[in-house]
Amino acid sequence: MLEDFEDDNVALIGVSTDSFFSHNAWFADREVFENEITHPILADTNHAVSKAFGVLKEDLGVSFRGTIIIDDEGTVRSATVTDLSAGRSPQEVLRTVQALQSGGLCGADWSKGDDFVA
């Protein structure tokens, strides 16, 4: 799916409060991660990124599940934060990016190439 993001000029960067060593162990486990992780993952062990985006769950020292879309001008265009138990959909993130890049008014189920709402 990385190629789909690259086709829309999106650079993916993962951020986790886990250490580099934890990432290596997790990402090597093909039962947990069926496919190889191909985008960079930042080990936010000092929680600077998590605090900056307001997603740190300080009592546990971990971050809530945040997806932040930042445009090429450095403007946050979308921010979604969920509890620790809720996963995220790469397809929905890509659809949101494409809607933000489209220049039109996109409905909730809009896909790249669809007509705009208005």
PDB file of N, CA and C in Angstrom:
ATOM      1  N   MET A   1       0.812  -1.196   0.000  1.00  0.00           N
ATOM      2  CA  MET A   1       0.000   0.000   0.000  1.00  0.00           C
ATOM      3  C   MET A   1       0.860   1.267   0.000  1.00  0.00           C
ATOM      4  N   LEU A   2       2.121   1.134   0.386  1.00  0.00           N
ATOM      5  CA  LEU A   2       3.024   2.280   0.406  1.00  0.00           C
ATOM      6  C   LEU A   2       3.073   2.951  -0.958  1.00  0.00           C
ATOM      7  N   GLU A   3       3.034   2.157  -2.014  1.00  0.00           N
ATOM      8  CA  GLU A   3       3.081   2.719  -3.368  1.00  0.00           C
ATOM      9  C   GLU A   3       1.883   3.626  -3.631  1.00  0.00           C
ATOM     10  N   ASP A   4       0.727   3.277  -3.079  1.00  0.00           N
ATOM     11  CA  ASP A   4      -0.468   4.105  -3.246  1.00  0.00           C
ATOM     12  C   ASP A   4      -0.258   5.484  -2.625  1.00  0.00           C
ATOM     13  N   PHE A   5       0.335   5.514  -1.448  1.00  0.00           N
ATOM     14  CA  PHE A   5       0.630   6.791  -0.811  1.00  0.00           C
ATOM     15  C   PHE A   5       1.665   7.566  -1.629  1.00  0.00           C
ATOM     16  N   GLU A   6       2.704   6.879  -2.082  1.00  0.00           N
ATOM     17  CA  GLU A   6       3.745   7.531  -2.873  1.00  0.00           C
ATOM     18  C   GLU A   6       3.182   8.109  -4.160  1.00  0.00           C
ATOM     19  N   ASP A   7       2.202   7.420  -4.778  1.00  0.00           N
ATOM     20  CA  ASP A   7       1.566   7.920  -6.002  1.00  0.00           C
ATOM     21  C   ASP A   7       0.885   9.270  -5.781  1.00  0.00           C
ATOM     22  N   ASP A   8       0.459   9.534  -4.543  1.00  0.00           N
ATOM     23  CA  ASP A   8      -0.167  10.810  -4.203  1.00  0.00           C
ATOM     24  C   ASP A   8       0.794  11.740  -3.473  1.00  0.00           C
ATOM     25  N   ASN A   9       2.098  11.480  -3.616  1.00  0.00           N
ATOM     26  CA  ASN A   9       3.150  12.311  -3.030  1.00  0.00           C
ATOM     27  C   ASN A   9       3.036  12.438  -1.517  1.00  0.00           C
ATOM     28  N   VAL A  10       2.734  11.324  -0.870  1.00  0.00           N
ATOM     29  CA  VAL A  10       2.608  11.292   0.582  1.00  0.00           C
ATOM     30  C   VAL A  10       3.804  10.555   1.162  1.00  0.00           C
ATOM     31  N   ALA A  11       4.460  11.175   2.126  1.00  0.00           N
ATOM     32  CA  ALA A  11       5.538  10.528   2.866  1.00  0.00           C
ATOM     33  C   ALA A  11       4.965  10.059   4.198  1.00  0.00           C
ATOM     34  N   LEU A  12       5.019   8.765   4.438  1.00  0.00           N
ATOM     35  CA  LEU A  12       4.529   8.204   5.693  1.00  0.00           C
ATOM     36  C   LEU A  12       5.655   8.155   6.705  1.00  0.00           C
ATOM     37  N   ILE A  13       5.338   8.557   7.929  1.00  0.00           N
ATOM     38  CA  ILE A  13       6.276   8.435   9.039  1.00  0.00           C
ATOM     39  C   ILE A  13       5.478   7.937  10.231  1.00  0.00           C
ATOM     40  N   GLY A  14       5.875   6.814  10.771  1.00  0.00           N
ATOM     41  CA  GLY A  14       5.241   6.297  11.971  1.00  0.00           C
ATOM     42  C   GLY A  14       5.970   6.813  13.189  1.00  0.00           C
ATOM     43  N   VAL A  15       5.233   6.986  14.260  1.00  0.00           N
ATOM     44  CA  VAL A  15       5.827   7.425  15.522  1.00  0.00           C
ATOM     45  C   VAL A  15       5.257   6.542  16.623  1.00  0.00           C
ATOM     46  N   SER A  16       6.130   6.053  17.481  1.00  0.00           N
ATOM     47  CA  SER A  16       5.716   5.185  18.571  1.00  0.00           C
ATOM     48  C   SER A  16       6.559   5.489  19.798  1.00  0.00           C
ATOM     49  N   THR A  17       5.953   5.354  20.962  1.00  0.00           N
ATOM     50  CA  THR A  17       6.718   5.555  22.192  1.00  0.00           C
ATOM     51  C   THR A  17       7.605   4.357  22.508  1.00  0.00           C
ATOM     52  N   ASP A  18       7.467   3.279  21.737  1.00  0.00           N
ATOM     53  CA  ASP A  18       8.347   2.124  21.910  1.00  0.00           C
ATOM     54  C   ASP A  18       9.763   2.457  21.440  1.00  0.00           C
ATOM     55  N   SER A  19      10.720   1.697  21.928  1.00  0.00           N
ATOM     56  CA  SER A  19      12.116   1.907  21.552  1.00  0.00           C
ATOM     57  C   SER A  19      12.420   1.274  20.193  1.00  0.00           C
ATOM     58  N   PHE A  20      13.557   1.622  19.663  1.00  0.00           N
ATOM     59  CA  PHE A  20      14.057   1.022  18.420  1.00  0.00           C
ATOM     60  C   PHE A  20      14.083  -0.504  18.545  1.00  0.00           C
ATOM     61  N   PHE A  21      14.520  -0.996  19.686  1.00  0.00           N
ATOM     62  CA  PHE A  21      14.646  -2.440  19.896  1.00  0.00           C
ATOM     63  C   PHE A  21      13.273  -3.115  19.953  1.00  0.00           C
ATOM     64  N   SER A  22      12.304  -2.451  20.582  1.00  0.00           N
ATOM     65  CA  SER A  22      10.934  -2.977  20.593  1.00  0.00           C
ATOM     66  C   SER A  22      10.370  -3.025  19.187  1.00  0.00           C
ATOM     67  N   HIS A  23      10.602  -1.957  18.420  1.00  0.00           N
ATOM     68  CA  HIS A  23      10.122  -1.933  17.032  1.00  0.00           C
ATOM     69  C   HIS A  23      10.689  -3.115  16.254  1.00  0.00           C
ATOM     70  N   ASN A  24      11.974  -3.340  16.361  1.00  0.00           N
ATOM     71  CA  ASN A  24      12.601  -4.453  15.634  1.00  0.00           C
ATOM     72  C   ASN A  24      11.951  -5.784  15.991  1.00  0.00           C
ATOM     73  N   ALA A  25      11.708  -5.994  17.267  1.00  0.00           N
ATOM     74  CA  ALA A  25      11.086  -7.257  17.694  1.00  0.00           C
ATOM     75  C   ALA A  25       9.654  -7.371  17.169  1.00  0.00           C
ATOM     76  N   TRP A  26       8.866  -6.309  17.306  1.00  0.00           N
ATOM     77  CA  TRP A  26       7.480  -6.331  16.821  1.00  0.00           C
ATOM     78  C   TRP A  26       7.435  -6.562  15.317  1.00  0.00           C
ATOM     79  N   PHE A  27       8.209  -5.793  14.583  1.00  0.00           N
ATOM     80  CA  PHE A  27       8.117  -5.815  13.123  1.00  0.00           C
ATOM     81  C   PHE A  27       8.657  -7.110  12.519  1.00  0.00           C
ATOM     82  N   ALA A  28       9.462  -7.840  13.268  1.00  0.00           N
ATOM     83  CA  ALA A  28       9.968  -9.124  12.789  1.00  0.00           C
ATOM     84  C   ALA A  28       8.940 -10.249  12.983  1.00  0.00           C
ATOM     85  N   ASP A  29       7.937 -10.005  13.794  1.00  0.00           N
ATOM     86  CA  ASP A  29       6.922 -11.016  14.105  1.00  0.00           C
ATOM     87  C   ASP A  29       5.864 -11.027  13.008  1.00  0.00           C
ATOM     88  N   ARG A  30       5.923 -11.998  12.112  1.00  0.00           N
ATOM     89  CA  ARG A  30       4.999 -12.061  10.964  1.00  0.00           C
ATOM     90  C   ARG A  30       3.584 -12.473  11.376  1.00  0.00           C
ATOM     91  N   GLU A  31       3.407 -12.935  12.597  1.00  0.00           N
ATOM     92  CA  GLU A  31       2.047 -13.180  13.075  1.00  0.00           C
ATOM     93  C   GLU A  31       1.366 -11.866  13.432  1.00  0.00           C
ATOM     94  N   VAL A  32       2.125 -10.922  13.935  1.00  0.00           N
ATOM     95  CA  VAL A  32       1.584  -9.612  14.293  1.00  0.00           C
ATOM     96  C   VAL A  32       1.555  -8.697  13.072  1.00  0.00           C
ATOM     97  N   PHE A  33       2.660  -8.628  12.355  1.00  0.00           N
ATOM     98  CA  PHE A  33       2.787  -7.790  11.164  1.00  0.00           C
ATOM     99  C   PHE A  33       3.019  -8.713   9.972  1.00  0.00           C
ATOM    100  N   GLU A  34       1.945  -9.050   9.298  1.00  0.00           N
ATOM    101  CA  GLU A  34       2.025  -9.988   8.173  1.00  0.00           C
ATOM    102  C   GLU A  34       2.972  -9.489   7.088  1.00  0.00           C
ATOM    103  N   ASN A  35       2.915  -8.186   6.826  1.00  0.00           N
ATOM    104  CA  ASN A  35       3.763  -7.582   5.790  1.00  0.00           C
ATOM    105  C   ASN A  35       4.887  -6.779   6.434  1.00  0.00           C
ATOM    106  N   GLU A  36       5.974  -6.685   5.716  1.00  0.00           N
ATOM    107  CA  GLU A  36       7.112  -5.912   6.190  1.00  0.00           C
ATOM    108  C   GLU A  36       6.745  -4.440   6.314  1.00  0.00           C
ATOM    109  N   ILE A  37       7.205  -3.791   7.383  1.00  0.00           N
ATOM    110  CA  ILE A  37       7.007  -2.348   7.553  1.00  0.00           C
ATOM    111  C   ILE A  37       8.042  -1.661   6.673  1.00  0.00           C
ATOM    112  N   THR A  38       7.582  -0.840   5.739  1.00  0.00           N
ATOM    113  CA  THR A  38       8.494  -0.252   4.746  1.00  0.00           C
ATOM    114  C   THR A  38       8.646   1.255   4.879  1.00  0.00           C
ATOM    115  N   HIS A  39       7.961   1.845   5.840  1.00  0.00           N
ATOM    116  CA  HIS A  39       8.117   3.287   6.040  1.00  0.00           C
ATOM    117  C   HIS A  39       8.879   3.528   7.347  1.00  0.00           C
ATOM    118  N   PRO A  40       9.500   4.687   7.485  1.00  0.00           N
ATOM    119  CA  PRO A  40      10.269   4.954   8.704  1.00  0.00           C
ATOM    120  C   PRO A  40       9.370   5.042   9.937  1.00  0.00           C
ATOM    121  N   ILE A  41       9.897   4.561  11.056  1.00  0.00           N
ATOM    122  CA  ILE A  41       9.213   4.621  12.345  1.00  0.00           C
ATOM    123  C   ILE A  41      10.149   5.336  13.318  1.00  0.00           C
ATOM    124  N   LEU A  42       9.652   6.400  13.918  1.00  0.00           N
ATOM    125  CA  LEU A  42      10.414   7.175  14.894  1.00  0.00           C
ATOM    126  C   LEU A  42      10.154   6.619  16.286  1.00  0.00           C
ATOM    127  N   ALA A  43      11.215   6.361  17.033  1.00  0.00           N
ATOM    128  CA  ALA A  43      11.091   5.920  18.422  1.00  0.00           C
ATOM    129  C   ALA A  43      11.005   7.167  19.303  1.00  0.00           C
ATOM    130  N   ASP A  44       9.798   7.509  19.694  1.00  0.00           N
ATOM    131  CA  ASP A  44       9.539   8.720  20.491  1.00  0.00           C
ATOM    132  C   ASP A  44       9.662   8.399  21.980  1.00  0.00           C
ATOM    133  N   THR A  45      10.831   7.900  22.374  1.00  0.00           N
ATOM    134  CA  THR A  45      11.011   7.452  23.749  1.00  0.00           C
ATOM    135  C   THR A  45      11.035   8.602  24.751  1.00  0.00           C
ATOM    136  N   ASN A  46      11.326   9.814  24.306  1.00  0.00           N
ATOM    137  CA  ASN A  46      11.267  10.962  25.219  1.00  0.00           C
ATOM    138  C   ASN A  46       9.911  11.660  25.175  1.00  0.00           C
ATOM    139  N   HIS A  47       8.991  11.146  24.336  1.00  0.00           N
ATOM    140  CA  HIS A  47       7.596  11.593  24.237  1.00  0.00           C
ATOM    141  C   HIS A  47       7.442  13.017  23.685  1.00  0.00           C
ATOM    142  N   ALA A  48       8.485  13.558  23.081  1.00  0.00           N
ATOM    143  CA  ALA A  48       8.416  14.927  22.559  1.00  0.00           C
ATOM    144  C   ALA A  48       7.368  15.064  21.456  1.00  0.00           C
ATOM    145  N   VAL A  49       7.326  14.117  20.529  1.00  0.00           N
ATOM    146  CA  VAL A  49       6.360  14.188  19.421  1.00  0.00           C
ATOM    147  C   VAL A  49       4.954  13.954  19.950  1.00  0.00           C
ATOM    148  N   SER A  50       4.793  12.957  20.808  1.00  0.00           N
ATOM    149  CA  SER A  50       3.478  12.654  21.374  1.00  0.00           C
ATOM    150  C   SER A  50       2.909  13.839  22.150  1.00  0.00           C
ATOM    151  N   LYS A  51       3.762  14.517  22.922  1.00  0.00           N
ATOM    152  CA  LYS A  51       3.319  15.710  23.659  1.00  0.00           C
ATOM    153  C   LYS A  51       2.984  16.840  22.699  1.00  0.00           C
ATOM    154  N   ALA A  52       3.810  17.031  21.674  1.00  0.00           N
ATOM    155  CA  ALA A  52       3.596  18.129  20.731  1.00  0.00           C
ATOM    156  C   ALA A  52       2.250  18.010  20.023  1.00  0.00           C
ATOM    157  N   PHE A  53       1.817  16.788  19.754  1.00  0.00           N
ATOM    158  CA  PHE A  53       0.539  16.576  19.070  1.00  0.00           C
ATOM    159  C   PHE A  53      -0.605  16.271  20.032  1.00  0.00           C
ATOM    160  N   GLY A  54      -0.333  16.314  21.330  1.00  0.00           N
ATOM    161  CA  GLY A  54      -1.379  16.149  22.328  1.00  0.00           C
ATOM    162  C   GLY A  54      -1.973  14.758  22.397  1.00  0.00           C
ATOM    163  N   VAL A  55      -1.181  13.740  22.101  1.00  0.00           N
ATOM    164  CA  VAL A  55      -1.709  12.371  22.098  1.00  0.00           C
ATOM    165  C   VAL A  55      -1.098  11.483  23.180  1.00  0.00           C
ATOM    166  N   LEU A  56      -0.272  12.049  24.045  1.00  0.00           N
ATOM    167  CA  LEU A  56       0.392  11.249  25.065  1.00  0.00           C
ATOM    168  C   LEU A  56      -0.576  10.899  26.194  1.00  0.00           C
ATOM    169  N   LYS A  57      -0.650   9.636  26.535  1.00  0.00           N
ATOM    170  CA  LYS A  57      -1.396   9.182  27.711  1.00  0.00           C
ATOM    171  C   LYS A  57      -0.365   9.075  28.824  1.00  0.00           C
ATOM    172  N   GLU A  58      -0.196  10.178  29.523  1.00  0.00           N
ATOM    173  CA  GLU A  58       0.933  10.335  30.440  1.00  0.00           C
ATOM    174  C   GLU A  58       0.987   9.288  31.540  1.00  0.00           C
ATOM    175  N   ASP A  59      -0.158   8.857  32.074  1.00  0.00           N
ATOM    176  CA  ASP A  59      -0.133   7.899  33.177  1.00  0.00           C
ATOM    177  C   ASP A  59       0.453   6.542  32.768  1.00  0.00           C
ATOM    178  N   LEU A  60       0.387   6.216  31.470  1.00  0.00           N
ATOM    179  CA  LEU A  60       0.963   4.965  30.982  1.00  0.00           C
ATOM    180  C   LEU A  60       2.251   5.170  30.189  1.00  0.00           C
ATOM    181  N   GLY A  61       2.551   6.425  29.835  1.00  0.00           N
ATOM    182  CA  GLY A  61       3.749   6.705  29.045  1.00  0.00           C
ATOM    183  C   GLY A  61       3.663   6.219  27.614  1.00  0.00           C
ATOM    184  N   VAL A  62       2.437   6.107  27.100  1.00  0.00           N
ATOM    185  CA  VAL A  62       2.199   5.686  25.716  1.00  0.00           C
ATOM    186  C   VAL A  62       1.303   6.713  25.035  1.00  0.00           C
ATOM    187  N   SER A  63       1.214   6.598  23.735  1.00  0.00           N
ATOM    188  CA  SER A  63       0.380   7.534  22.987  1.00  0.00           C
ATOM    189  C   SER A  63      -0.938   6.892  22.597  1.00  0.00           C
ATOM    190  N   PHE A  64      -1.975   7.731  22.567  1.00  0.00           N
ATOM    191  CA  PHE A  64      -3.211   7.307  21.945  1.00  0.00           C
ATOM    192  C   PHE A  64      -2.914   7.091  20.466  1.00  0.00           C
ATOM    193  N   ARG A  65      -3.827   6.472  19.738  1.00  0.00           N
ATOM    194  CA  ARG A  65      -3.634   6.217  18.311  1.00  0.00           C
ATOM    195  C   ARG A  65      -3.977   7.477  17.537  1.00  0.00           C
ATOM    196  N   GLY A  66      -2.972   8.176  17.085  1.00  0.00           N
ATOM    197  CA  GLY A  66      -3.178   9.427  16.352  1.00  0.00           C
ATOM    198  C   GLY A  66      -2.757   9.308  14.910  1.00  0.00           C
ATOM    199  N   THR A  67      -3.549   9.904  14.040  1.00  0.00           N
ATOM    200  CA  THR A  67      -3.186  10.015  12.627  1.00  0.00           C
ATOM    201  C   THR A  67      -3.251  11.493  12.285  1.00  0.00           C
ATOM    202  N   ILE A  68      -2.116  12.055  11.943  1.00  0.00           N
ATOM    203  CA  ILE A  68      -2.013  13.480  11.648  1.00  0.00           C
ATOM    204  C   ILE A  68      -1.597  13.617  10.193  1.00  0.00           C
ATOM    205  N   ILE A  69      -2.383  14.364   9.425  1.00  0.00           N
ATOM    206  CA  ILE A  69      -2.048  14.617   8.021  1.00  0.00           C
ATOM    207  C   ILE A  69      -1.585  16.064   7.922  1.00  0.00           C
ATOM    208  N   ILE A  70      -0.349  16.222   7.469  1.00  0.00           N
ATOM    209  CA  ILE A  70       0.286  17.538   7.360  1.00  0.00           C
ATOM    210  C   ILE A  70       0.608  17.776   5.897  1.00  0.00           C
ATOM    211  N   ASP A  71       0.217  18.934   5.374  1.00  0.00           N
ATOM    212  CA  ASP A  71       0.472  19.205   3.956  1.00  0.00           C
ATOM    213  C   ASP A  71       1.911  19.663   3.743  1.00  0.00           C
ATOM    214  N   ASP A  72       2.268  19.896   2.488  1.00  0.00           N
ATOM    215  CA  ASP A  72       3.656  20.253   2.164  1.00  0.00           C
ATOM    216  C   ASP A  72       4.035  21.653   2.612  1.00  0.00           C
ATOM    217  N   GLU A  73       3.085  22.415   3.133  1.00  0.00           N
ATOM    218  CA  GLU A  73       3.370  23.736   3.704  1.00  0.00           C
ATOM    219  C   GLU A  73       3.538  23.656   5.220  1.00  0.00           C
ATOM    220  N   GLY A  74       3.354  22.457   5.799  1.00  0.00           N
ATOM    221  CA  GLY A  74       3.489  22.272   7.237  1.00  0.00           C
ATOM    222  C   GLY A  74       2.203  22.518   8.015  1.00  0.00           C
ATOM    223  N   THR A  75       1.076  22.603   7.317  1.00  0.00           N
ATOM    224  CA  THR A  75      -0.213  22.848   7.961  1.00  0.00           C
ATOM    225  C   THR A  75      -0.902  21.521   8.272  1.00  0.00           C
ATOM    226  N   VAL A  76      -1.370  21.373   9.502  1.00  0.00           N
ATOM    227  CA  VAL A  76      -2.143  20.186   9.857  1.00  0.00           C
ATOM    228  C   VAL A  76      -3.490  20.284   9.163  1.00  0.00           C
ATOM    229  N   ARG A  77      -3.793  19.336   8.310  1.00  0.00           N
ATOM    230  CA  ARG A  77      -5.041  19.325   7.538  1.00  0.00           C
ATOM    231  C   ARG A  77      -6.072  18.394   8.139  1.00  0.00           C
ATOM    232  N   SER A  78      -5.608  17.386   8.902  1.00  0.00           N
ATOM    233  CA  SER A  78      -6.520  16.439   9.534  1.00  0.00           C
ATOM    234  C   SER A  78      -5.815  15.843  10.741  1.00  0.00           C
ATOM    235  N   ALA A  79      -6.573  15.668  11.822  1.00  0.00           N
ATOM    236  CA  ALA A  79      -6.040  15.002  13.013  1.00  0.00           C
ATOM    237  C   ALA A  79      -7.134  14.111  13.584  1.00  0.00           C
ATOM    238  N   THR A  80      -6.826  12.839  13.707  1.00  0.00           N
ATOM    239  CA  THR A  80      -7.757  11.874  14.262  1.00  0.00           C
ATOM    240  C   THR A  80      -7.047  11.148  15.397  1.00  0.00           C
ATOM    241  N   VAL A  81      -7.694  11.100  16.551  1.00  0.00           N
ATOM    242  CA  VAL A  81      -7.112  10.434  17.713  1.00  0.00           C
ATOM    243  C   VAL A  81      -8.145   9.466  18.264  1.00  0.00           C
ATOM    244  N   THR A  82      -7.712   8.221  18.472  1.00  0.00           N
ATOM    245  CA  THR A  82      -8.598   7.211  19.051  1.00  0.00           C
ATOM    246  C   THR A  82      -7.931   6.588  20.271  1.00  0.00           C
ATOM    247  N   ASP A  83      -8.731   5.874  21.037  1.00  0.00           N
ATOM    248  CA  ASP A  83      -8.234   5.182  22.218  1.00  0.00           C
ATOM    249  C   ASP A  83      -7.254   4.085  21.802  1.00  0.00           C
ATOM    250  N   LEU A  84      -6.581   3.536  22.762  1.00  0.00           N
ATOM    251  CA  LEU A  84      -5.544   2.540  22.501  1.00  0.00           C
ATOM    252  C   LEU A  84      -6.074   1.287  21.824  1.00  0.00           C
ATOM    253  N   SER A  85      -7.334   0.959  22.019  1.00  0.00           N
ATOM    254  CA  SER A  85      -7.873  -0.293  21.494  1.00  0.00           C
ATOM    255  C   SER A  85      -8.375  -0.198  20.057  1.00  0.00           C
ATOM    256  N   ALA A  86      -8.446   0.998  19.498  1.00  0.00           N
ATOM    257  CA  ALA A  86      -9.004   1.162  18.152  1.00  0.00           C
ATOM    258  C   ALA A  86      -7.893   1.248  17.114  1.00  0.00           C
ATOM    259  N   GLY A  87      -7.950   0.362  16.141  1.00  0.00           N
ATOM    260  CA  GLY A  87      -6.988   0.389  15.049  1.00  0.00           C
ATOM    261  C   GLY A  87      -7.341   1.462  14.030  1.00  0.00           C
ATOM    262  N   ARG A  88      -6.452   1.636  13.062  1.00  0.00           N
ATOM    263  CA  ARG A  88      -6.673   2.620  12.009  1.00  0.00           C
ATOM    264  C   ARG A  88      -6.643   1.948  10.654  1.00  0.00           C
ATOM    265  N   SER A  89      -7.291   2.586   9.692  1.00  0.00           N
ATOM    266  CA  SER A  89      -7.390   2.038   8.349  1.00  0.00           C
ATOM    267  C   SER A  89      -6.495   2.822   7.396  1.00  0.00           C
ATOM    268  N   PRO A  90      -5.444   2.199   6.867  1.00  0.00           N
ATOM    269  CA  PRO A  90      -4.610   2.900   5.888  1.00  0.00           C
ATOM    270  C   PRO A  90      -5.412   3.356   4.673  1.00  0.00           C
ATOM    271  N   GLN A  91      -6.410   2.567   4.268  1.00  0.00           N
ATOM    272  CA  GLN A  91      -7.233   2.947   3.112  1.00  0.00           C
ATOM    273  C   GLN A  91      -7.997   4.242   3.396  1.00  0.00           C
ATOM    274  N   GLU A  92      -8.508   4.403   4.613  1.00  0.00           N
ATOM    275  CA  GLU A  92      -9.243   5.620   4.961  1.00  0.00           C
ATOM    276  C   GLU A  92      -8.300   6.815   5.066  1.00  0.00           C
ATOM    277  N   VAL A  93      -7.100   6.584   5.574  1.00  0.00           N
ATOM    278  CA  VAL A  93      -6.117   7.677   5.627  1.00  0.00           C
ATOM    279  C   VAL A  93      -5.792   8.137   4.209  1.00  0.00           C
ATOM    280  N   LEU A  94      -5.557   7.195   3.301  1.00  0.00           N
ATOM    281  CA  LEU A  94      -5.259   7.551   1.913  1.00  0.00           C
ATOM    282  C   LEU A  94      -6.439   8.271   1.272  1.00  0.00           C
ATOM    283  N   ARG A  95      -7.659   7.796   1.510  1.00  0.00           N
ATOM    284  CA  ARG A  95      -8.851   8.438   0.960  1.00  0.00           C
ATOM    285  C   ARG A  95      -8.965   9.880   1.476  1.00  0.00           C
ATOM    286  N   THR A  96      -8.670  10.085   2.753  1.00  0.00           N
ATOM    287  CA  THR A  96      -8.723  11.426   3.335  1.00  0.00           C
ATOM    288  C   THR A  96      -7.678  12.331   2.694  1.00  0.00           C
ATOM    289  N   VAL A  97      -6.467  11.835   2.523  1.00  0.00           N
ATOM    290  CA  VAL A  97      -5.415  12.609   1.855  1.00  0.00           C
ATOM    291  C   VAL A  97      -5.856  12.990   0.449  1.00  0.00           C
ATOM    292  N   GLN A  98      -6.381  12.031  -0.283  1.00  0.00           N
ATOM    293  CA  GLN A  98      -6.817  12.302  -1.653  1.00  0.00           C
ATOM    294  C   GLN A  98      -7.941  13.328  -1.680  1.00  0.00           C
ATOM    295  N   ALA A  99      -8.854  13.262  -0.735  1.00  0.00           N
ATOM    296  CA  ALA A  99      -9.932  14.253  -0.654  1.00  0.00           C
ATOM    297  C   ALA A  99      -9.360  15.635  -0.357  1.00  0.00           C
ATOM    298  N   LEU A 100      -8.392  15.712   0.554  1.00  0.00           N
ATOM    299  CA  LEU A 100      -7.781  16.999   0.879  1.00  0.00           C
ATOM    300  C   LEU A 100      -7.018  17.578  -0.306  1.00  0.00           C
ATOM    301  N   GLN A 101      -6.442  16.723  -1.129  1.00  0.00           N
ATOM    302  CA  GLN A 101      -5.685  17.170  -2.296  1.00  0.00           C
ATOM    303  C   GLN A 101      -6.574  17.475  -3.498  1.00  0.00           C
ATOM    304  N   SER A 102      -7.835  17.059  -3.456  1.00  0.00           N
ATOM    305  CA  SER A 102      -8.696  17.104  -4.642  1.00  0.00           C
ATOM    306  C   SER A 102      -9.124  18.496  -5.072  1.00  0.00           C
ATOM    307  N   GLY A 103      -9.227  19.408  -4.131  1.00  0.00           N
ATOM    308  CA  GLY A 103      -9.682  20.758  -4.469  1.00  0.00           C
ATOM    309  C   GLY A 103     -11.189  20.896  -4.546  1.00  0.00           C
ATOM    310  N   GLY A 104     -11.916  19.850  -4.210  1.00  0.00           N
ATOM    311  CA  GLY A 104     -13.374  19.910  -4.256  1.00  0.00           C
ATOM    312  C   GLY A 104     -13.981  19.525  -2.924  1.00  0.00           C
ATOM    313  N   LEU A 105     -15.314  19.584  -2.868  1.00  0.00           N
ATOM    314  CA  LEU A 105     -16.048  19.184  -1.673  1.00  0.00           C
ATOM    315  C   LEU A 105     -16.382  17.705  -1.809  1.00  0.00           C
ATOM    316  N   CYS A 106     -15.813  16.900  -0.945  1.00  0.00           N
ATOM    317  CA  CYS A 106     -15.919  15.446  -1.049  1.00  0.00           C
ATOM    318  C   CYS A 106     -16.832  14.898   0.036  1.00  0.00           C
ATOM    319  N   GLY A 107     -17.737  14.007  -0.349  1.00  0.00           N
ATOM    320  CA  GLY A 107     -18.607  13.350   0.613  1.00  0.00           C
ATOM    321  C   GLY A 107     -17.849  12.323   1.435  1.00  0.00           C
ATOM    322  N   ALA A 108     -18.524  11.764   2.433  1.00  0.00           N
ATOM    323  CA  ALA A 108     -17.898  10.822   3.367  1.00  0.00           C
ATOM    324  C   ALA A 108     -17.374   9.571   2.679  1.00  0.00           C
ATOM    325  N   ASP A 109     -18.034   9.115   1.641  1.00  0.00           N
ATOM    326  CA  ASP A 109     -17.597   7.900   0.953  1.00  0.00           C
ATOM    327  C   ASP A 109     -16.940   8.195  -0.393  1.00  0.00           C
ATOM    328  N   TRP A 110     -16.541   9.438  -0.596  1.00  0.00           N
ATOM    329  CA  TRP A 110     -15.900   9.857  -1.838  1.00  0.00           C
ATOM    330  C   TRP A 110     -14.621   9.056  -2.052  1.00  0.00           C
ATOM    331  N   SER A 111     -14.351   8.706  -3.294  1.00  0.00           N
ATOM    332  CA  SER A 111     -13.093   8.073  -3.692  1.00  0.00           C
ATOM    333  C   SER A 111     -12.480   8.870  -4.829  1.00  0.00           C
ATOM    334  N   LYS A 112     -11.176   8.804  -4.938  1.00  0.00           N
ATOM    335  CA  LYS A 112     -10.462   9.516  -5.992  1.00  0.00           C
ATOM    336  C   LYS A 112     -11.090   9.204  -7.343  1.00  0.00           C
ATOM    337  N   GLY A 113     -11.455  10.253  -8.083  1.00  0.00           N
ATOM    338  CA  GLY A 113     -12.084  10.100  -9.382  1.00  0.00           C
ATOM    339  C   GLY A 113     -13.598  10.284  -9.349  1.00  0.00           C
ATOM    340  N   ASP A 114     -14.199  10.204  -8.150  1.00  0.00           N
ATOM    341  CA  ASP A 114     -15.643  10.418  -8.022  1.00  0.00           C
ATOM    342  C   ASP A 114     -15.982  11.899  -8.227  1.00  0.00           C
ATOM    343  N   ASP A 115     -17.255  12.163  -8.498  1.00  0.00           N
ATOM    344  CA  ASP A 115     -17.742  13.539  -8.594  1.00  0.00           C
ATOM    345  C   ASP A 115     -17.717  14.180  -7.211  1.00  0.00           C
ATOM    346  N   PHE A 116     -17.592  15.503  -7.206  1.00  0.00           N
ATOM    347  CA  PHE A 116     -17.648  16.256  -5.956  1.00  0.00           C
ATOM    348  C   PHE A 116     -19.090  16.494  -5.555  1.00  0.00           C
ATOM    349  N   VAL A 117     -19.316  16.780  -4.281  1.00  0.00           N
ATOM    350  CA  VAL A 117     -20.648  17.077  -3.777  1.00  0.00           C
ATOM    351  C   VAL A 117     -21.151  18.376  -4.392  1.00  0.00           C
ATOM    352  N   ALA A 118     -20.277  19.345  -4.458  1.00  0.00           N
ATOM    353  CA  ALA A 118     -20.658  20.641  -5.035  1.00  0.00           C
ATOM    354  C   ALA A 118     -19.531  21.176  -5.889  1.00  0.00           C
TER     355      ALA A 118
END
